[in-house]
Amino acid sequence: MPLPVSIVIPTWNGRPLLEQFLPSVIRAADVYRQAGAPCEIVVVDDGGTDDTEGWVAAQSSSAPVPLRLIRLPANRGFGAAANTGVREAAHQLVFLVNNDVEVAPDAIAPLAARFTAEGRLFAVHCRVMDFATGAEVGTGKMGGFSRGFFRVHRSYITRGPDAGPLYSMFASGGSAMFDRAVFLSLGGFDDLFAPYYFEDVELSYRAWKRGFIVAYEPRSVVRHRFSSTIAPLAGRRVGRVAHRNRFLFHWIHLHDARLLLSHGAWLPILVLSAAAKPEIAIGLAGALRRLGAARVRRVKEKLASTRSDSDILAIFATLGRRPDIRPYDDPAQLVDKVQERSSRRVP
C-alpha cells in the first residue's frame, strides 16, 4: 500500500501564485489518494498580509483531499515556515513544494515508492522544468570540490536504463519529499541561514554526513516559475545573503583537513578577485558576524557525523563514472547536445 503523504506549501503574500499553482497540487494529491494512500495539503502562511487565509479556507470546502492553513504571526523566512509545516504534518512523508511550482498529476507516487525501496533515505527530489520555457533546469545534483569550495550545483541526467541508485548532493526545498521523522530528528532547516538560500543544501549535507541518503527521481516532474516569491526582494541583497550562507555552510561542515586547507587558501583569492562583485565581500562580512554560531554548529556536526567529506565525495565520483550518468554544468549543454544529434541526422 502506498505510504501516506502530507504536502506542505510555505507561502508569503502568495495568493496569486496559489491561485495559479495550487490546483495542480490538489490534482496530484487526489491522484495519489485514489491509489489508496491518505494525502493532505498544508499551506503555511509565513506572516503574509494578503488574504491567503480566507482564500485557502474557501478552497478547502471543495478540495478532494484535506486542505488546511497554518498562519504564522510574523514573517520568518522559508526555513521556519517549512519547519512549522513539517512539524504539523499528519503523515510520515512530507512533500515540500514552493507556491510557484506546478506538480504533474503522477508525480507523488514515484517519490513515495523510493522510501519503501531504499534504506536510510532522507529525501528524494523531483525533475524540474522551467515553467516559462519548458527547459530542463533541475536534475540530479553531483557533489564535487574545487578551488576551496564544494560544487553542489553541477548536475546530471540519466541515459539508458538506470544501472544503479540515483544519488543527489541535495534535495531542493521547493520540490522534494522528506522522511518526516528524520527531518525532525536532524532539526530541520537551520535558522542561521534565514531568511533564504542554501538551507536545503545545508540540511541535505547534514543528512549525508550523518549516514542518510538523498536521491533523485526523474519520473516525478514539476514545473517551476523561478524566483516568484523572492523576486520582490531581488537585487544585491539576495546575492549578499546567498554568499553569506555559502560561507557558513563550509565553516560548519568542511571537516576534512586537506579540503579545509584548500578552502583557507582560496578564500582570500576569492575576495580579492571579487572587486566587481561587492556582494561577495559583504556576504563574507555577514558570515563573519555569525561565526560564533557557526562554530557551535561545527562542533555539533563533527560529533554527529558518521561519514567524512571524502566519503561523500567518493560516492559522487563513483556515480559520475557510471555509463548511465551524464554530468553537465549548464543546462545549455543539454540543448547543444540535442541540436548536435539532430544535425547529424540531416543528410
Protein backbone atom coordinates (compact mmCIF):
# COMPACT_ATOMS: atom_id res chain seq x y z
CA MET A 1 0.00 0.00 0.00
CA PRO A 2 1.37 3.47 -0.83
CA LEU A 3 2.69 5.44 2.12
CA PRO A 4 0.63 8.41 3.38
CA VAL A 5 1.89 11.85 2.33
CA SER A 6 1.49 15.39 3.60
CA ILE A 7 2.13 18.15 1.07
CA VAL A 8 3.50 21.31 2.71
CA ILE A 9 3.47 24.65 0.86
CA PRO A 10 5.16 27.65 2.54
CA THR A 11 3.87 30.98 1.21
CA TRP A 12 4.22 34.69 1.86
CA ASN A 13 1.77 37.13 0.27
CA GLY A 14 1.35 34.49 -2.39
CA ARG A 15 -2.36 34.28 -3.14
CA PRO A 16 -1.88 34.97 -6.91
CA LEU A 17 0.68 32.17 -7.09
CA LEU A 18 -1.54 29.80 -5.11
CA GLU A 19 -4.44 30.56 -7.43
CA GLN A 20 -2.27 29.56 -10.37
CA PHE A 21 -0.40 26.57 -8.95
CA LEU A 22 -2.38 25.06 -6.06
CA PRO A 23 -4.91 23.40 -8.42
CA SER A 24 -2.11 21.22 -9.83
CA VAL A 25 -1.07 20.20 -6.32
CA ILE A 26 -4.66 19.32 -5.42
CA ARG A 27 -5.00 17.29 -8.62
CA ALA A 28 -1.77 15.36 -7.91
CA ALA A 29 -2.84 14.75 -4.30
CA ASP A 30 -6.19 13.40 -5.50
CA VAL A 31 -4.49 11.06 -7.98
CA TYR A 32 -2.35 9.71 -5.16
CA ARG A 33 -5.38 9.43 -2.86
CA GLN A 34 -7.20 7.39 -5.49
CA ALA A 35 -4.26 4.99 -5.49
CA GLY A 36 -5.19 4.15 -1.91
CA ALA A 37 -2.98 6.40 0.23
CA PRO A 38 -4.04 9.14 2.66
CA CYS A 39 -2.89 12.55 1.46
CA GLU A 40 -3.29 16.07 2.83
CA ILE A 41 -2.19 19.59 1.88
CA VAL A 42 -0.88 22.05 4.47
CA VAL A 43 -0.37 25.68 3.43
CA VAL A 44 1.86 27.66 5.82
CA ASP A 45 1.22 31.41 5.62
CA ASP A 46 4.52 32.96 6.71
CA GLY A 47 3.13 36.16 8.25
CA GLY A 48 1.66 37.44 5.00
CA THR A 49 -0.60 40.47 4.79
CA ASP A 50 -2.80 39.43 1.86
CA ASP A 51 -5.99 37.37 2.03
CA THR A 52 -4.36 33.96 1.56
CA GLU A 53 -6.01 32.59 4.69
CA GLY A 54 -9.57 33.31 3.55
CA TRP A 55 -8.89 32.13 0.02
CA VAL A 56 -7.46 28.78 1.16
CA ALA A 57 -10.40 28.31 3.53
CA ALA A 58 -12.78 28.79 0.60
CA GLN A 59 -10.90 26.20 -1.48
CA SER A 60 -10.83 23.63 1.30
CA SER A 61 -14.58 23.08 1.19
CA SER A 62 -14.41 21.62 -2.32
CA ALA A 63 -10.96 20.01 -2.29
CA PRO A 64 -10.98 16.19 -2.67
CA VAL A 65 -8.22 15.89 -0.03
CA PRO A 66 -7.88 17.61 3.35
CA LEU A 67 -6.59 21.18 2.82
CA ARG A 68 -5.71 23.37 5.79
CA LEU A 69 -3.78 26.52 6.54
CA ILE A 70 -1.37 27.35 9.35
CA ARG A 71 -0.81 31.05 9.88
CA LEU A 72 2.43 32.31 11.43
CA PRO A 73 2.21 35.63 13.32
CA ALA A 74 5.33 37.11 11.66
CA ASN A 75 7.43 36.55 8.57
CA ARG A 76 10.48 34.44 9.45
CA GLY A 77 11.55 33.11 6.06
CA PHE A 78 11.28 29.88 4.12
CA GLY A 79 13.10 27.61 6.57
CA ALA A 80 11.00 28.49 9.61
CA ALA A 81 7.75 28.20 7.64
CA ALA A 82 8.78 24.83 6.20
CA ASN A 83 9.81 23.56 9.64
CA THR A 84 6.41 24.51 11.03
CA GLY A 85 4.63 22.71 8.21
CA VAL A 86 6.67 19.54 8.70
CA ARG A 87 6.05 19.55 12.46
CA GLU A 88 2.31 19.97 11.93
CA ALA A 89 2.06 17.42 9.12
CA ALA A 90 -0.04 14.35 9.85
CA HIS A 91 1.83 11.78 7.75
CA GLN A 92 5.23 10.12 7.69
CA LEU A 93 6.30 11.51 4.31
CA VAL A 94 6.30 15.25 3.59
CA PHE A 95 6.34 16.60 0.05
CA LEU A 96 7.66 20.15 0.37
CA VAL A 97 6.54 22.33 -2.56
CA ASN A 98 7.08 26.01 -3.38
CA ASN A 99 3.97 28.08 -4.03
CA ASP A 100 5.17 28.72 -7.60
CA VAL A 101 5.53 25.06 -8.59
CA GLU A 102 3.17 23.12 -10.86
CA VAL A 103 3.10 19.43 -9.95
CA ALA A 104 2.46 16.76 -12.57
CA PRO A 105 -0.57 14.55 -11.75
CA ASP A 106 1.56 11.40 -11.39
CA ALA A 107 4.49 12.98 -9.53
CA ILE A 108 3.84 11.82 -5.98
CA ALA A 109 3.81 8.04 -6.28
CA PRO A 110 7.39 7.56 -7.61
CA LEU A 111 8.76 9.76 -4.83
CA ALA A 112 6.92 7.88 -2.10
CA ALA A 113 7.88 4.50 -3.57
CA ARG A 114 11.57 5.28 -3.10
CA PHE A 115 11.10 5.28 0.68
CA THR A 116 9.99 1.66 0.66
CA ALA A 117 12.74 0.59 -1.78
CA GLU A 118 15.81 2.25 -0.24
CA GLY A 119 17.07 2.15 3.33
CA ARG A 120 18.35 5.24 5.18
CA LEU A 121 16.65 7.53 2.65
CA PHE A 122 16.22 11.07 3.96
CA ALA A 123 14.91 12.87 0.88
CA VAL A 124 14.22 12.45 -2.82
CA HIS A 125 13.68 15.32 -5.24
CA CYS A 126 11.86 15.85 -8.50
CA ARG A 127 12.94 16.55 -12.04
CA VAL A 128 12.33 20.27 -12.55
CA MET A 129 11.35 22.04 -15.77
CA ASP A 130 11.27 25.80 -16.28
CA PHE A 131 7.64 26.94 -16.27
CA ALA A 132 8.17 29.59 -18.94
CA THR A 133 10.36 27.72 -21.41
CA GLY A 134 9.88 24.03 -20.65
CA ALA A 135 13.64 23.62 -20.47
CA GLU A 136 15.09 21.04 -18.11
CA VAL A 137 16.63 23.00 -15.24
CA GLY A 138 16.67 20.70 -12.23
CA THR A 139 18.01 17.16 -12.34
CA GLY A 140 20.27 15.03 -10.16
CA LYS A 141 22.91 17.04 -8.29
CA MET A 142 26.53 15.91 -8.43
CA GLY A 143 28.78 16.56 -5.49
CA GLY A 144 32.32 17.81 -6.01
CA PHE A 145 35.04 20.03 -4.58
CA SER A 146 37.14 22.56 -6.47
CA ARG A 147 39.09 25.72 -5.64
CA GLY A 148 38.33 25.52 -1.96
CA PHE A 149 34.56 25.08 -2.21
CA PHE A 150 32.01 22.31 -2.59
CA ARG A 151 30.41 22.30 -6.03
CA VAL A 152 26.79 21.43 -5.31
CA HIS A 153 25.03 22.69 -8.44
CA ARG A 154 26.76 20.50 -11.04
CA SER A 155 24.03 18.22 -12.33
CA TYR A 156 23.44 15.01 -14.23
CA ILE A 157 20.84 13.30 -16.36
CA THR A 158 20.33 9.59 -16.90
CA ARG A 159 20.78 7.93 -20.27
CA GLY A 160 19.56 4.44 -20.96
CA PRO A 161 18.35 2.07 -18.23
CA ASP A 162 19.40 3.05 -14.72
CA ALA A 163 22.38 0.96 -13.65
CA GLY A 164 22.22 1.87 -10.01
CA PRO A 165 20.87 4.26 -7.39
CA LEU A 166 20.43 7.91 -8.36
CA TYR A 167 22.08 9.82 -5.53
CA SER A 168 21.90 13.61 -5.27
CA MET A 169 24.02 16.08 -3.34
CA PHE A 170 20.95 17.94 -2.11
CA ALA A 171 17.18 17.98 -2.34
CA SER A 172 15.71 21.37 -3.20
CA GLY A 173 13.28 22.59 -0.57
CA GLY A 174 10.89 23.60 -3.34
CA SER A 175 10.13 20.18 -4.85
CA ALA A 176 11.30 17.28 -2.69
CA MET A 177 9.87 14.62 -0.41
CA PHE A 178 11.30 14.03 3.06
CA ASP A 179 11.08 11.40 5.77
CA ARG A 180 9.33 13.47 8.42
CA ALA A 181 10.83 11.63 11.40
CA VAL A 182 14.39 12.02 10.08
CA PHE A 183 13.75 15.66 9.16
CA LEU A 184 12.67 16.43 12.72
CA SER A 185 15.48 14.38 14.29
CA LEU A 186 18.02 16.41 12.27
CA GLY A 187 16.43 19.64 13.48
CA GLY A 188 15.01 20.78 10.14
CA PHE A 189 16.21 23.86 8.29
CA ASP A 190 18.69 25.92 10.32
CA ASP A 191 17.61 29.44 11.36
CA LEU A 192 21.22 30.52 10.88
CA PHE A 193 20.51 30.55 7.14
CA ALA A 194 17.32 32.63 7.36
CA PRO A 195 15.61 34.13 5.51
CA TYR A 196 16.51 32.10 2.37
CA TYR A 197 19.12 30.29 0.27
CA PHE A 198 21.38 27.31 0.98
CA GLU A 199 19.25 26.00 3.84
CA ASP A 200 18.25 22.98 1.74
CA VAL A 201 21.87 22.33 0.70
CA GLU A 202 22.99 22.50 4.33
CA LEU A 203 20.23 20.20 5.62
CA SER A 204 20.86 17.66 2.87
CA TYR A 205 24.59 17.61 3.53
CA ARG A 206 23.90 17.30 7.26
CA ALA A 207 21.88 14.18 6.42
CA TRP A 208 24.67 12.79 4.22
CA LYS A 209 27.24 13.36 6.97
CA ARG A 210 25.03 11.50 9.45
CA GLY A 211 24.69 8.42 7.29
CA PHE A 212 21.48 9.09 5.37
CA ILE A 213 20.90 9.23 1.61
CA VAL A 214 19.49 11.93 -0.67
CA ALA A 215 18.21 10.75 -4.06
CA TYR A 216 16.82 11.95 -7.39
CA GLU A 217 13.61 10.68 -9.02
CA PRO A 218 13.40 11.67 -12.73
CA ARG A 219 9.91 10.18 -13.13
CA SER A 220 8.45 12.84 -10.83
CA VAL A 221 8.18 16.06 -12.82
CA VAL A 222 7.33 19.60 -11.71
CA ARG A 223 7.44 22.96 -13.48
CA HIS A 224 8.87 25.88 -11.51
CA ARG A 225 8.31 29.59 -12.09
CA PHE A 226 11.65 30.60 -10.65
CA SER A 227 12.11 33.35 -8.04
CA SER A 228 8.44 34.30 -7.99
CA THR A 229 8.46 34.67 -4.21
CA ILE A 230 11.89 36.25 -3.79
CA ALA A 231 11.52 38.48 -6.87
CA PRO A 232 10.09 41.40 -4.87
CA LEU A 233 13.29 41.32 -2.81
CA ALA A 234 15.53 40.92 -5.85
CA GLY A 235 18.75 42.83 -6.06
CA ARG A 236 22.08 42.79 -4.38
CA ARG A 237 20.60 41.80 -1.03
CA VAL A 238 19.75 38.37 -2.39
CA GLY A 239 23.31 37.92 -3.64
CA ARG A 240 24.76 39.02 -0.32
CA VAL A 241 22.61 36.53 1.60
CA ALA A 242 23.44 33.73 -0.82
CA HIS A 243 27.19 34.31 -0.45
CA ARG A 244 26.91 34.65 3.32
CA ASN A 245 25.15 31.33 3.60
CA ARG A 246 27.58 29.63 1.25
CA PHE A 247 30.45 30.62 3.56
CA LEU A 248 28.53 29.49 6.65
CA PHE A 249 27.81 26.12 5.07
CA HIS A 250 31.52 25.47 4.57
CA TRP A 251 32.52 26.67 8.01
CA ILE A 252 30.02 24.31 9.62
CA HIS A 253 30.54 21.19 7.53
CA LEU A 254 34.01 21.24 5.96
CA HIS A 255 35.92 18.92 8.32
CA ASP A 256 38.47 17.17 6.09
CA ALA A 257 41.86 18.76 6.89
CA ARG A 258 43.08 18.75 3.29
CA LEU A 259 39.89 20.31 1.97
CA LEU A 260 39.81 22.83 4.79
CA LEU A 261 43.36 23.92 3.94
CA SER A 262 42.30 24.40 0.33
CA HIS A 263 39.32 26.48 1.44
CA GLY A 264 41.57 28.70 3.55
CA ALA A 265 43.96 29.22 0.66
CA TRP A 266 41.27 30.10 -1.87
CA LEU A 267 39.17 32.32 0.39
CA PRO A 268 41.37 35.45 0.15
CA ILE A 269 41.82 34.88 -3.58
CA LEU A 270 38.05 34.84 -4.00
CA VAL A 271 37.61 38.05 -2.03
CA LEU A 272 40.43 39.88 -3.83
CA SER A 273 39.11 38.85 -7.24
CA ALA A 274 35.57 39.99 -6.41
CA ALA A 275 36.11 43.74 -6.85
CA ALA A 276 33.38 43.79 -9.47
CA LYS A 277 31.06 41.86 -7.15
CA PRO A 278 30.99 43.61 -3.77
CA GLU A 279 28.20 41.32 -2.61
CA ILE A 280 30.82 38.59 -2.12
CA ALA A 281 32.83 40.70 0.33
CA ILE A 282 29.63 41.88 2.04
CA GLY A 283 28.43 38.28 2.25
CA LEU A 284 31.73 37.27 3.86
CA ALA A 285 31.38 40.07 6.40
CA GLY A 286 27.87 38.88 7.20
CA ALA A 287 29.12 35.33 7.66
CA LEU A 288 31.88 36.52 9.98
CA ARG A 289 29.26 38.20 12.17
CA ARG A 290 27.66 34.77 12.58
CA LEU A 291 30.94 32.96 13.08
CA GLY A 292 30.27 32.22 16.76
CA ALA A 293 27.01 30.43 15.97
CA ALA A 294 28.69 28.61 13.09
CA ARG A 295 31.43 27.35 15.43
CA VAL A 296 28.83 25.94 17.82
CA ARG A 297 27.15 24.16 14.92
CA ARG A 298 30.51 22.92 13.63
CA VAL A 299 31.33 21.21 16.93
CA LYS A 300 27.92 19.56 16.99
CA GLU A 301 28.17 18.31 13.43
CA LYS A 302 31.68 16.93 13.87
CA LEU A 303 30.48 14.89 16.84
CA ALA A 304 27.38 13.63 15.00
CA SER A 305 28.99 12.79 11.64
CA THR A 306 29.37 9.17 10.59
CA ARG A 307 30.64 9.96 7.07
CA SER A 308 33.61 12.14 6.17
CA ASP A 309 33.63 14.76 3.43
CA SER A 310 35.90 12.44 1.44
CA ASP A 311 33.44 9.56 1.84
CA ILE A 312 30.64 11.66 0.37
CA LEU A 313 32.74 12.99 -2.49
CA ALA A 314 33.78 9.40 -3.32
CA ILE A 315 30.10 8.40 -3.63
CA PHE A 316 29.57 11.09 -6.27
CA ALA A 317 32.85 10.38 -8.04
CA THR A 318 31.66 6.79 -8.48
CA LEU A 319 28.24 7.98 -9.63
CA GLY A 320 29.82 10.23 -12.26
CA ARG A 321 31.75 7.31 -13.78
CA ARG A 322 28.66 5.20 -14.42
CA PRO A 323 27.72 4.69 -18.09
CA ASP A 324 24.08 5.64 -17.46
CA ILE A 325 25.01 9.04 -15.97
CA ARG A 326 25.82 12.16 -17.98
CA PRO A 327 27.12 15.06 -15.82
CA TYR A 328 26.77 18.66 -17.03
CA ASP A 329 27.50 22.13 -15.69
CA ASP A 330 24.98 24.22 -17.63
CA PRO A 331 21.51 23.21 -18.90
CA ALA A 332 22.51 24.81 -22.20
CA GLN A 333 24.88 21.89 -22.69
CA LEU A 334 21.86 19.59 -22.89
CA VAL A 335 20.28 21.73 -25.61
CA ASP A 336 23.56 21.84 -27.54
CA LYS A 337 23.81 18.06 -27.38
CA VAL A 338 20.27 17.60 -28.69
CA GLN A 339 20.97 20.04 -31.55
CA GLU A 340 24.22 18.24 -32.34
CA ARG A 341 22.45 14.89 -32.61
CA SER A 342 19.74 16.42 -34.78
CA SER A 343 22.27 17.97 -37.17
CA ARG A 344 23.98 14.62 -37.62
CA ARG A 345 20.72 13.15 -38.96
CA VAL A 346 20.49 15.78 -41.70
CA PRO A 347 21.88 14.35 -45.00
